[in-house]
Protein backbone atom coordinates (compact mmCIF):
# COMPACT_ATOMS: atom_id res chain seq x y z
CA MET A 1 27.38 43.74 67.56
CA ARG A 2 26.36 46.33 64.95
CA GLU A 3 25.00 48.55 67.74
CA SER A 4 27.99 48.05 70.05
CA GLU A 5 30.33 50.98 70.65
CA PHE A 6 33.26 48.63 71.29
CA PHE A 7 33.91 47.83 67.62
CA ASP A 8 34.72 50.06 64.67
CA SER A 9 33.95 47.23 62.25
CA TYR A 10 33.30 43.50 62.21
CA SER A 11 33.22 40.60 59.80
CA PHE A 12 31.50 37.22 59.94
CA PHE A 13 32.78 34.49 57.66
CA PRO A 14 29.69 33.32 55.73
CA VAL A 15 30.61 29.60 55.69
CA ALA A 16 31.38 29.06 59.35
CA ASP A 17 31.97 25.30 59.49
CA ASP A 18 34.37 22.69 58.12
CA ASN A 19 33.39 23.60 54.55
CA GLY A 20 35.16 26.91 55.05
CA THR A 21 38.55 25.49 56.04
CA ALA A 22 39.91 25.62 52.47
CA ILE A 23 39.28 29.34 52.24
CA GLY A 24 40.62 29.76 55.76
CA ALA A 25 43.85 28.02 54.76
CA ALA A 26 44.19 30.26 51.70
CA GLN A 27 43.64 33.36 53.80
CA TYR A 28 46.24 32.18 56.31
CA VAL A 29 48.80 31.89 53.52
CA GLN A 30 47.91 35.40 52.39
CA TRP A 31 48.35 36.65 55.96
CA ILE A 32 51.83 35.15 56.43
CA ARG A 33 52.97 36.25 52.98
CA PRO A 34 52.50 40.04 52.81
CA GLU A 35 53.39 40.13 49.12
CA ILE A 36 50.06 38.39 48.41
CA GLN A 37 47.23 40.88 48.41
CA MET A 38 44.30 40.00 50.67
CA ARG A 39 41.04 40.46 48.78
CA PRO A 40 37.60 40.66 50.39
CA LEU A 41 35.04 37.94 49.75
CA THR A 42 32.27 39.78 47.91
CA HIS A 43 30.12 36.85 46.81
CA LEU A 44 29.74 33.07 47.20
CA TYR A 45 28.99 32.05 43.60
CA LEU A 46 32.02 29.75 43.57
CA GLY A 47 30.56 26.32 42.75
CA PRO A 48 29.87 24.32 39.57
CA GLU A 49 27.64 25.67 36.82
CA THR A 50 24.08 24.41 36.51
CA GLY A 51 24.81 22.92 33.07
CA GLU A 52 22.94 22.86 29.80
CA VAL A 53 19.28 21.97 29.36
CA ASN A 54 18.72 19.33 26.67
CA GLU A 55 15.72 17.65 25.04
CA LYS A 56 16.03 14.54 27.20
CA LEU A 57 15.72 16.58 30.38
CA LEU A 58 12.69 18.42 28.96
CA GLU A 59 10.90 15.23 27.89
CA GLY A 60 7.35 15.18 29.26
CA LYS A 61 7.47 18.86 30.24
CA ASN A 62 5.99 22.03 28.88
CA TRP A 63 8.70 24.60 28.28
CA LYS A 64 9.55 27.81 26.49
CA LYS A 65 12.47 30.19 26.13
CA ILE A 66 12.08 33.26 28.34
CA GLU A 67 11.98 36.53 26.42
CA ASN A 68 12.41 38.80 29.45
CA LEU A 69 12.36 38.51 33.24
CA GLU A 70 9.10 40.44 33.47
CA GLU A 71 7.44 37.11 32.57
CA ILE A 72 8.84 35.53 35.73
CA ALA A 73 8.04 38.59 37.86
CA ASN A 74 4.42 38.38 36.70
CA LEU A 75 4.21 34.72 37.72
CA LEU A 76 5.65 35.51 41.15
CA ALA A 77 3.25 38.44 41.59
CA SER A 78 0.33 36.13 40.81
CA GLY A 79 1.30 33.85 43.72
CA LYS A 80 3.24 31.17 41.87
CA VAL A 81 6.20 29.44 43.53
CA ILE A 82 9.19 29.18 41.22
CA ALA A 83 12.41 27.21 41.42
CA TRP A 84 15.32 29.23 40.04
CA SER A 85 18.59 27.59 38.91
CA GLN A 86 21.23 29.85 37.38
CA GLY A 87 24.97 29.91 36.79
CA ALA A 88 27.48 28.89 39.44
CA MET A 89 26.21 27.24 42.61
CA GLU A 90 26.60 29.02 45.93
CA PHE A 91 29.33 27.92 48.32
CA GLY A 92 27.96 27.25 51.80
CA HIS A 93 24.57 26.81 53.41
CA ARG A 94 22.57 29.63 51.84
CA SER A 95 20.95 29.76 48.42
CA LEU A 96 21.61 33.31 47.29
CA GLY A 97 19.75 33.54 44.01
CA ASN A 98 21.40 30.82 41.94
CA ARG A 99 19.84 27.68 43.49
CA SER A 100 16.71 29.13 45.05
CA ILE A 101 13.00 28.64 45.49
CA LEU A 102 11.34 32.04 45.09
CA ALA A 103 7.91 33.40 45.95
CA SER A 104 6.17 36.66 46.70
CA ALA A 105 6.37 37.53 50.40
CA GLN A 106 3.26 39.68 50.16
CA GLN A 107 0.92 36.82 51.09
CA LYS A 108 1.43 35.81 54.73
CA GLN A 109 0.20 32.27 54.04
CA MET A 110 3.05 31.71 51.57
CA LYS A 111 5.28 30.48 54.42
CA ASP A 112 2.83 27.70 55.29
CA ILE A 113 2.29 26.78 51.63
CA ILE A 114 5.99 26.34 50.91
CA ASN A 115 6.73 24.49 54.16
CA ALA A 116 3.86 22.03 53.69
CA LYS A 117 3.71 21.46 49.93
CA ILE A 118 7.26 22.04 48.74
CA LYS A 119 9.92 21.94 51.47
CA MET A 120 7.99 19.24 53.36
CA ARG A 121 9.09 20.43 56.79
CA GLU A 122 7.72 21.83 60.06
CA SER A 123 5.26 24.72 59.78
CA PHE A 124 7.18 26.95 62.21
CA ARG A 125 10.32 27.08 60.02
CA PRO A 126 10.85 30.68 58.82
CA PHE A 127 11.96 32.06 55.48
CA ALA A 128 14.37 34.85 54.60
CA PRO A 129 14.17 37.63 52.02
CA SER A 130 16.34 38.72 49.14
CA VAL A 131 16.06 42.50 48.88
CA LEU A 132 17.41 45.01 46.39
CA GLN A 133 20.45 46.53 48.08
CA GLU A 134 19.32 50.05 47.23
CA HIS A 135 16.03 49.56 49.10
CA ALA A 136 17.23 47.55 52.11
CA ALA A 137 17.34 50.45 54.57
CA SER A 138 13.73 51.36 53.77
CA TYR A 139 12.52 47.91 54.81
CA PHE A 140 14.90 47.00 57.65
CA GLU A 141 16.29 49.00 60.56
CA MET A 142 19.88 49.90 59.76
CA THR A 143 21.95 52.51 61.56
CA LEU A 144 23.19 55.46 59.55
CA SER A 145 26.77 54.33 60.04
CA SER A 146 26.24 50.71 59.02
CA SER A 147 26.85 49.28 55.59
CA LYS A 148 23.84 48.57 53.40
CA ASN A 149 25.56 45.55 51.85
CA PHE A 150 24.73 42.20 53.50
CA PRO A 151 24.99 39.65 50.65
CA PHE A 152 25.38 36.39 52.61
CA MET A 153 22.03 35.98 54.44
CA ILE A 154 23.70 35.51 57.83
CA GLU A 155 22.61 38.65 59.71
CA THR A 156 19.21 39.60 61.09
CA PHE A 157 17.61 43.03 61.23
CA ASN A 158 14.44 44.36 62.75
CA ALA A 159 11.77 44.62 60.07
CA ARG A 160 10.19 48.02 59.67
CA THR A 161 6.42 48.48 59.84
CA LEU A 162 6.40 48.80 56.05
CA THR A 163 7.93 45.32 55.74
CA LYS A 164 5.43 43.76 58.15
CA GLU A 165 2.62 45.20 56.07
CA LYS A 166 3.96 44.57 52.55
CA ALA A 167 5.99 41.37 53.04
CA PRO A 168 4.68 39.47 56.09
CA ALA A 169 5.84 36.04 54.86
CA ILE A 170 9.50 36.85 55.59
CA VAL A 171 9.11 38.48 59.01
CA HIS A 172 9.91 36.13 61.91
CA GLU A 173 7.76 35.90 65.03
CA ASP A 174 10.18 38.21 66.86
CA GLY A 175 9.85 40.90 64.19
CA THR A 176 13.20 40.27 62.53
CA SER A 177 14.37 39.02 59.14
CA ARG A 178 17.63 37.36 58.09
CA ILE A 179 18.30 39.28 54.91
CA GLN A 180 20.30 38.98 51.71
CA THR A 181 20.96 42.23 49.88
CA VAL A 182 21.31 41.83 46.11
CA SER A 183 23.39 44.12 43.91
CA ALA A 184 23.73 44.36 40.15
CA GLU A 185 27.51 43.96 40.53
CA THR A 186 27.50 40.53 42.18
CA ASN A 187 24.38 38.95 40.62
CA PRO A 188 23.02 41.01 37.72
CA LYS A 189 20.35 38.54 36.59
CA TYR A 190 18.87 38.02 40.04
CA HIS A 191 18.99 41.78 40.61
CA GLU A 192 17.10 42.29 37.35
CA LEU A 193 14.42 39.81 38.44
CA LEU A 194 13.98 41.57 41.78
CA HIS A 195 13.85 44.93 40.03
CA SER A 196 11.19 43.65 37.59
CA PHE A 197 9.14 42.40 40.55
CA TYR A 198 9.58 45.77 42.27
CA LYS A 199 8.39 47.69 39.19
CA LEU A 200 5.35 45.45 38.98
CA THR A 201 4.35 45.31 42.67
CA GLY A 202 6.15 48.14 44.47
CA CYS A 203 7.82 45.52 46.71
CA PRO A 204 11.63 45.22 46.27
CA LEU A 205 12.06 41.82 47.88
CA LEU A 206 11.22 38.15 47.42
CA LEU A 207 10.99 35.16 49.72
CA ASN A 208 14.11 33.11 48.98
CA THR A 209 14.78 29.61 50.28
CA SER A 210 17.15 26.87 49.19
CA PHE A 211 16.22 24.74 46.18
CA ASN A 212 15.79 21.37 47.88
CA ILE A 213 13.32 19.39 49.95
CA ASN A 214 13.68 18.40 53.58
CA GLY A 215 16.52 15.94 54.11
CA MET A 216 18.05 16.41 50.65
CA PRO A 217 21.03 18.52 49.53
CA ILE A 218 20.59 21.68 47.52
CA VAL A 219 20.35 20.88 43.80
CA LEU A 220 23.52 21.25 41.77
CA SER A 221 22.93 20.40 38.09
CA ALA A 222 20.08 20.92 35.65
CA GLY A 223 19.21 17.24 36.08
CA ASP A 224 19.05 17.66 39.87
CA ALA A 225 16.80 20.69 39.43
CA ILE A 226 14.33 18.86 37.24
CA ASP A 227 14.32 15.81 39.54
CA CYS A 228 13.49 17.99 42.56
CA PHE A 229 10.88 19.88 40.53
CA ASP A 230 9.16 16.59 39.64
CA LYS A 231 8.95 15.54 43.31
CA THR A 232 7.33 18.72 44.63
CA HIS A 233 4.33 20.97 44.10
CA LEU A 234 6.47 23.74 42.64
CA ASP A 235 4.56 25.67 40.00
CA TYR A 236 7.43 26.49 37.64
CA LEU A 237 11.13 25.89 37.17
CA VAL A 238 13.56 28.31 35.55
CA ILE A 239 16.92 26.94 34.39
CA GLY A 240 18.99 29.50 32.56
CA ASP A 241 16.62 31.00 30.01
CA TYR A 242 14.17 28.09 30.04
CA LEU A 243 10.78 28.26 31.77
CA ILE A 244 9.50 24.75 32.54
CA TRP A 245 6.18 23.50 33.89
CA LYS A 246 4.49 20.13 34.21
CA LYS A 247 1.92 18.77 31.77
C-alpha cells in the first residue's frame, strides 16, 4: 500500500481485533460529535504500571541498582538476553519496549537461542527489531515520501544489505523485517537504551520480542516478570532501575 499511487495516505489501527473495540467506540463518538477534537494515537503505553520491586520479590536473587543504561547496553553487546519491564504495559499484541525480551541482533544464531531456550517455541518463528527512528531509513527501504515513524510493529519493510550484514537475527527469510521505530518523545528510556547500544556497537537496533513464554500471556506486574524470569534461561531481568540475575 505504501508504494501504491492510489492513496495519498493510509492508517492501520495497531490493535486490530476485539481488544480495540473500546478505542473504536471512543473514536466513533468523536466522529459524530465535531466539537470533540480527534487526536492521533501516537503510542500504545496505555496499560497498568509494572509496580514496585520489593525485598520479597528479590529474595534468592542477585540484584543491584542500575547507575546508567550503558551497563545494560554492554550486557546486550556481549550476547546476553535481557528481559526488560518498564512503566505502563503496552495495549495490544506487541511488546514495544516496556514488556520486552531484548537481545543483540548481530549474531544470527540469536533467533534459534531465544526460540529454543527462552520462548520455547518452533525454530522457524521470526523476531522483529526496535530501531532508533532517526536511523530507520538507513537500515530499511523507505520511499522518500513515506513517514519514518512506524511505532507499532505492524508493518514490514525490505531490509537493506547493511541490515542483513549487521543485524541478521531480525531479517526474515524473505528479506523483510517487521519494524518498530523508537523515538525519544514516546519512550525516552527505551530510546536511551537503544542509543547507548548504538554508541557501543554502531548498530542502532535490537531484537525485541514479547516478555512471555509460549502459551502464556505477556507479563504485567513485577511479580509476573520475576516468575517468568525464573522459568526461563534468560540471563538478566531489568525492572525499573533494578538489574536482577539468578544465584
